[in-house]
Structure formats: C-alpha cells, structure tokens
N, C-alpha and C. Protein backbone atom coordinates (compact mmCIF):
# COMPACT_ATOMS: atom_id res chain seq x y z
N MET A 1 -6.15 61.11 8.48
CA MET A 1 -7.39 60.38 8.52
C MET A 1 -7.48 59.38 7.38
N GLN A 2 -7.03 59.82 6.24
CA GLN A 2 -7.06 58.96 5.05
C GLN A 2 -6.17 57.73 5.25
N THR A 3 -5.04 57.88 5.91
CA THR A 3 -4.14 56.75 6.13
C THR A 3 -4.74 55.75 7.11
N LEU A 4 -5.53 56.21 8.06
CA LEU A 4 -6.20 55.30 8.98
C LEU A 4 -7.23 54.45 8.24
N ILE A 5 -7.92 55.02 7.31
CA ILE A 5 -8.90 54.26 6.52
C ILE A 5 -8.18 53.23 5.67
N HIS A 6 -7.07 53.62 5.06
CA HIS A 6 -6.29 52.68 4.26
C HIS A 6 -5.74 51.55 5.13
N ALA A 7 -5.29 51.86 6.33
CA ALA A 7 -4.76 50.85 7.24
C ALA A 7 -5.87 49.90 7.67
N ASP A 8 -7.06 50.43 7.97
CA ASP A 8 -8.18 49.57 8.35
C ASP A 8 -8.58 48.65 7.20
N ILE A 9 -8.60 49.16 5.99
CA ILE A 9 -8.94 48.33 4.82
C ILE A 9 -7.89 47.25 4.63
N PHE A 10 -6.62 47.61 4.79
CA PHE A 10 -5.54 46.63 4.65
C PHE A 10 -5.67 45.52 5.69
N PHE A 11 -5.89 45.87 6.94
CA PHE A 11 -6.01 44.85 7.99
C PHE A 11 -7.25 44.00 7.80
N PHE A 12 -8.33 44.59 7.32
CA PHE A 12 -9.56 43.83 7.06
C PHE A 12 -9.31 42.81 5.94
N ILE A 13 -8.70 43.23 4.85
CA ILE A 13 -8.41 42.33 3.74
C ILE A 13 -7.39 41.27 4.16
N SER A 14 -6.39 41.66 4.94
CA SER A 14 -5.39 40.71 5.42
C SER A 14 -6.02 39.65 6.32
N THR A 15 -6.95 40.06 7.16
CA THR A 15 -7.63 39.12 8.05
C THR A 15 -8.47 38.14 7.26
N ILE A 16 -9.19 38.60 6.26
CA ILE A 16 -9.99 37.71 5.41
C ILE A 16 -9.09 36.73 4.67
N ALA A 17 -7.98 37.21 4.13
CA ALA A 17 -7.04 36.34 3.42
C ALA A 17 -6.46 35.29 4.37
N LEU A 18 -6.12 35.70 5.59
CA LEU A 18 -5.58 34.76 6.57
C LEU A 18 -6.61 33.69 6.93
N VAL A 19 -7.85 34.07 7.08
CA VAL A 19 -8.90 33.11 7.39
C VAL A 19 -9.08 32.13 6.24
N ILE A 20 -9.09 32.62 5.02
CA ILE A 20 -9.26 31.74 3.85
C ILE A 20 -8.08 30.78 3.73
N ILE A 21 -6.87 31.28 3.92
CA ILE A 21 -5.68 30.42 3.84
C ILE A 21 -5.70 29.38 4.97
N SER A 22 -6.12 29.80 6.16
CA SER A 22 -6.20 28.86 7.30
C SER A 22 -7.22 27.76 7.03
N ILE A 23 -8.36 28.11 6.48
CA ILE A 23 -9.37 27.12 6.14
C ILE A 23 -8.82 26.14 5.10
N GLY A 24 -8.11 26.65 4.11
CA GLY A 24 -7.50 25.79 3.09
C GLY A 24 -6.49 24.83 3.70
N ILE A 25 -5.68 25.32 4.63
CA ILE A 25 -4.68 24.46 5.28
C ILE A 25 -5.37 23.39 6.11
N VAL A 26 -6.44 23.75 6.81
CA VAL A 26 -7.17 22.76 7.62
C VAL A 26 -7.77 21.68 6.73
N ILE A 27 -8.35 22.07 5.61
CA ILE A 27 -8.93 21.09 4.67
C ILE A 27 -7.83 20.19 4.12
N ALA A 28 -6.70 20.76 3.76
CA ALA A 28 -5.58 19.95 3.25
C ALA A 28 -5.09 18.97 4.31
N LEU A 29 -5.01 19.40 5.56
CA LEU A 29 -4.57 18.51 6.64
C LEU A 29 -5.57 17.37 6.86
N ILE A 30 -6.86 17.67 6.73
CA ILE A 30 -7.86 16.61 6.88
C ILE A 30 -7.68 15.56 5.79
N PHE A 31 -7.47 16.00 4.55
CA PHE A 31 -7.25 15.04 3.46
C PHE A 31 -5.97 14.25 3.67
N ILE A 32 -4.92 14.90 4.14
CA ILE A 32 -3.66 14.20 4.40
C ILE A 32 -3.85 13.14 5.49
N ILE A 33 -4.60 13.48 6.54
CA ILE A 33 -4.85 12.51 7.61
C ILE A 33 -5.65 11.33 7.07
N LEU A 34 -6.66 11.58 6.24
CA LEU A 34 -7.45 10.49 5.67
C LEU A 34 -6.59 9.59 4.77
N ILE A 35 -5.71 10.20 3.99
CA ILE A 35 -4.82 9.42 3.13
C ILE A 35 -3.87 8.57 3.98
N LEU A 36 -3.35 9.13 5.05
CA LEU A 36 -2.44 8.37 5.92
C LEU A 36 -3.16 7.22 6.61
N LYS A 37 -4.43 7.42 6.99
CA LYS A 37 -5.20 6.32 7.59
C LYS A 37 -5.39 5.19 6.58
N ASN A 38 -5.73 5.55 5.34
CA ASN A 38 -5.89 4.52 4.31
C ASN A 38 -4.57 3.81 4.04
N LEU A 39 -3.48 4.55 4.04
CA LEU A 39 -2.17 3.96 3.83
C LEU A 39 -1.82 3.00 4.96
N HIS A 40 -2.20 3.35 6.18
CA HIS A 40 -1.95 2.48 7.32
C HIS A 40 -2.74 1.18 7.19
N ARG A 41 -4.02 1.29 6.79
CA ARG A 41 -4.83 0.08 6.59
C ARG A 41 -4.27 -0.78 5.48
N LEU A 42 -3.80 -0.14 4.42
CA LEU A 42 -3.22 -0.88 3.31
C LEU A 42 -1.95 -1.61 3.73
N SER A 43 -1.11 -0.96 4.52
CA SER A 43 0.12 -1.61 4.96
C SER A 43 -0.18 -2.77 5.90
N GLU A 44 -1.21 -2.65 6.72
CA GLU A 44 -1.61 -3.77 7.58
C GLU A 44 -2.07 -4.96 6.74
N THR A 45 -2.84 -4.68 5.69
CA THR A 45 -3.31 -5.74 4.82
C THR A 45 -2.15 -6.42 4.10
N VAL A 46 -1.21 -5.63 3.61
CA VAL A 46 -0.04 -6.18 2.93
C VAL A 46 0.78 -7.03 3.89
N ARG A 47 0.94 -6.57 5.13
CA ARG A 47 1.71 -7.32 6.12
C ARG A 47 1.03 -8.66 6.42
N THR A 48 -0.30 -8.64 6.56
CA THR A 48 -1.03 -9.87 6.84
C THR A 48 -0.93 -10.85 5.68
N GLU A 49 -1.14 -10.35 4.47
CA GLU A 49 -1.09 -11.21 3.29
C GLU A 49 0.31 -11.74 3.05
N ALA A 50 1.33 -10.94 3.35
CA ALA A 50 2.71 -11.42 3.20
C ALA A 50 2.97 -12.57 4.16
N GLY A 51 2.39 -12.50 5.35
CA GLY A 51 2.52 -13.62 6.29
C GLY A 51 1.85 -14.87 5.76
N HIS A 52 0.68 -14.71 5.14
CA HIS A 52 -0.01 -15.87 4.57
C HIS A 52 0.80 -16.47 3.41
N ILE A 53 1.37 -15.61 2.59
CA ILE A 53 2.18 -16.10 1.47
C ILE A 53 3.41 -16.85 1.99
N ALA A 54 4.03 -16.33 3.03
CA ALA A 54 5.19 -17.01 3.61
C ALA A 54 4.80 -18.38 4.16
N GLU A 55 3.63 -18.46 4.78
CA GLU A 55 3.16 -19.76 5.29
C GLU A 55 2.91 -20.74 4.13
N ASP A 56 2.32 -20.23 3.04
CA ASP A 56 2.07 -21.09 1.88
C ASP A 56 3.37 -21.59 1.27
N ILE A 57 4.36 -20.72 1.19
CA ILE A 57 5.65 -21.11 0.63
C ILE A 57 6.33 -22.15 1.52
N ASP A 58 6.21 -21.97 2.84
CA ASP A 58 6.77 -22.97 3.77
C ASP A 58 6.09 -24.31 3.58
N ALA A 59 4.77 -24.30 3.40
CA ALA A 59 4.05 -25.56 3.18
C ALA A 59 4.47 -26.21 1.87
N MET A 60 4.65 -25.42 0.82
CA MET A 60 5.09 -25.97 -0.46
C MET A 60 6.51 -26.53 -0.35
N ARG A 61 7.36 -25.84 0.41
CA ARG A 61 8.73 -26.30 0.59
C ARG A 61 8.75 -27.63 1.34
N ALA A 62 7.88 -27.76 2.33
CA ALA A 62 7.81 -29.02 3.08
C ALA A 62 7.34 -30.16 2.19
N LYS A 63 6.39 -29.88 1.30
CA LYS A 63 5.92 -30.91 0.38
C LYS A 63 7.00 -31.25 -0.64
N ALA A 64 7.76 -30.25 -1.07
CA ALA A 64 8.80 -30.48 -2.07
C ALA A 64 9.97 -31.28 -1.50
N LYS A 65 10.21 -31.18 -0.20
CA LYS A 65 11.29 -31.95 0.40
C LYS A 65 11.00 -33.44 0.35
N GLY A 66 9.73 -33.81 0.40
CA GLY A 66 9.38 -35.22 0.33
C GLY A 66 9.32 -35.75 -1.09
N PHE A 67 9.43 -34.87 -2.05
CA PHE A 67 9.35 -35.25 -3.46
C PHE A 67 10.70 -35.75 -3.93
N SER A 68 10.71 -36.85 -4.62
CA SER A 68 11.96 -37.41 -5.11
C SER A 68 12.03 -37.21 -6.63
N TRP A 69 13.06 -36.52 -7.07
CA TRP A 69 13.23 -36.29 -8.50
C TRP A 69 13.59 -37.58 -9.23
N GLY A 70 14.24 -38.51 -8.53
CA GLY A 70 14.60 -39.78 -9.15
C GLY A 70 13.36 -40.57 -9.53
N ILE A 71 12.39 -40.59 -8.63
CA ILE A 71 11.13 -41.30 -8.92
C ILE A 71 10.39 -40.61 -10.06
N ALA A 72 10.36 -39.29 -10.04
CA ALA A 72 9.69 -38.55 -11.11
C ALA A 72 10.36 -38.82 -12.45
N PHE A 73 11.68 -38.90 -12.48
CA PHE A 73 12.38 -39.16 -13.72
C PHE A 73 12.07 -40.57 -14.24
N LYS A 74 12.00 -41.57 -13.32
CA LYS A 74 11.67 -42.92 -13.74
C LYS A 74 10.26 -43.00 -14.31
N ILE A 75 9.32 -42.31 -13.67
CA ILE A 75 7.94 -42.31 -14.19
C ILE A 75 7.90 -41.64 -15.55
N PHE A 76 8.57 -40.52 -15.68
CA PHE A 76 8.60 -39.79 -16.95
C PHE A 76 9.24 -40.65 -18.04
N LYS A 77 10.32 -41.31 -17.69
CA LYS A 77 11.03 -42.16 -18.65
C LYS A 77 10.17 -43.36 -19.05
N SER A 78 9.47 -43.95 -18.09
CA SER A 78 8.63 -45.10 -18.40
C SER A 78 7.45 -44.71 -19.28
N LEU A 79 6.94 -43.52 -19.12
CA LEU A 79 5.82 -43.07 -19.95
C LEU A 79 6.23 -42.99 -21.41
N PHE A 80 7.43 -42.48 -21.65
CA PHE A 80 7.87 -42.30 -23.03
C PHE A 80 8.48 -43.58 -23.62
N THR A 81 9.06 -44.43 -22.81
CA THR A 81 9.61 -45.67 -23.35
C THR A 81 8.51 -46.66 -23.69
N ASN A 82 7.39 -46.65 -22.98
CA ASN A 82 6.27 -47.52 -23.27
C ASN A 82 5.61 -47.14 -24.58
N ARG A 83 5.59 -45.91 -24.90
CA ARG A 83 4.96 -45.45 -26.14
C ARG A 83 5.80 -45.86 -27.36
N ASN A 84 7.09 -45.89 -27.20
CA ASN A 84 7.96 -46.20 -28.33
C ASN A 84 7.97 -47.69 -28.65
N LYS A 85 7.62 -48.54 -27.74
CA LYS A 85 7.68 -49.99 -27.96
C LYS A 85 6.52 -50.50 -28.71
C-alpha cells in the first residue's frame, strides 16, 4: 500500500513538472517565432534598401561617364595659374 502512495506522488509530481516544462517550451517557441518574424521584416528592408543603393550607384556611374577628367584638370590648372600671375 505504501508503494502505491509513493507511485501516485511520483506520477503527480512528474505530471506537474511535465506541464511546467511544456509551458516553458511553448513560451520559448512563441518568442522564437516573434524573433524570426522581425528578422524576416529586417531582411526585406535590407533587400529593398540595397536595391535603392544599387540604383543610386548606377545613376552616379552614368553621371561619371559623362565627366571628363581632362576638362577638370584644365579648370583646376587655370585656377591655380591665374592666382600665380
């Protein structure tokens, strides 16, 4: 009879521990899901902004192709040669 009481107490305590551990795991999974959702939104934002940066760089490259370093050097040279005279 005494062993049945001990077995019942053991199963009761084991059940309570299992419920507490299960609740902890569920809470941890909820936090992990929330973190993953935020990470997904962040990666979408980074992807969008990277596209905008690439477009800006393409626009700057197109403007730089029309720029002549020879003309810039002549202007720079004329600025400093006029001051010395």
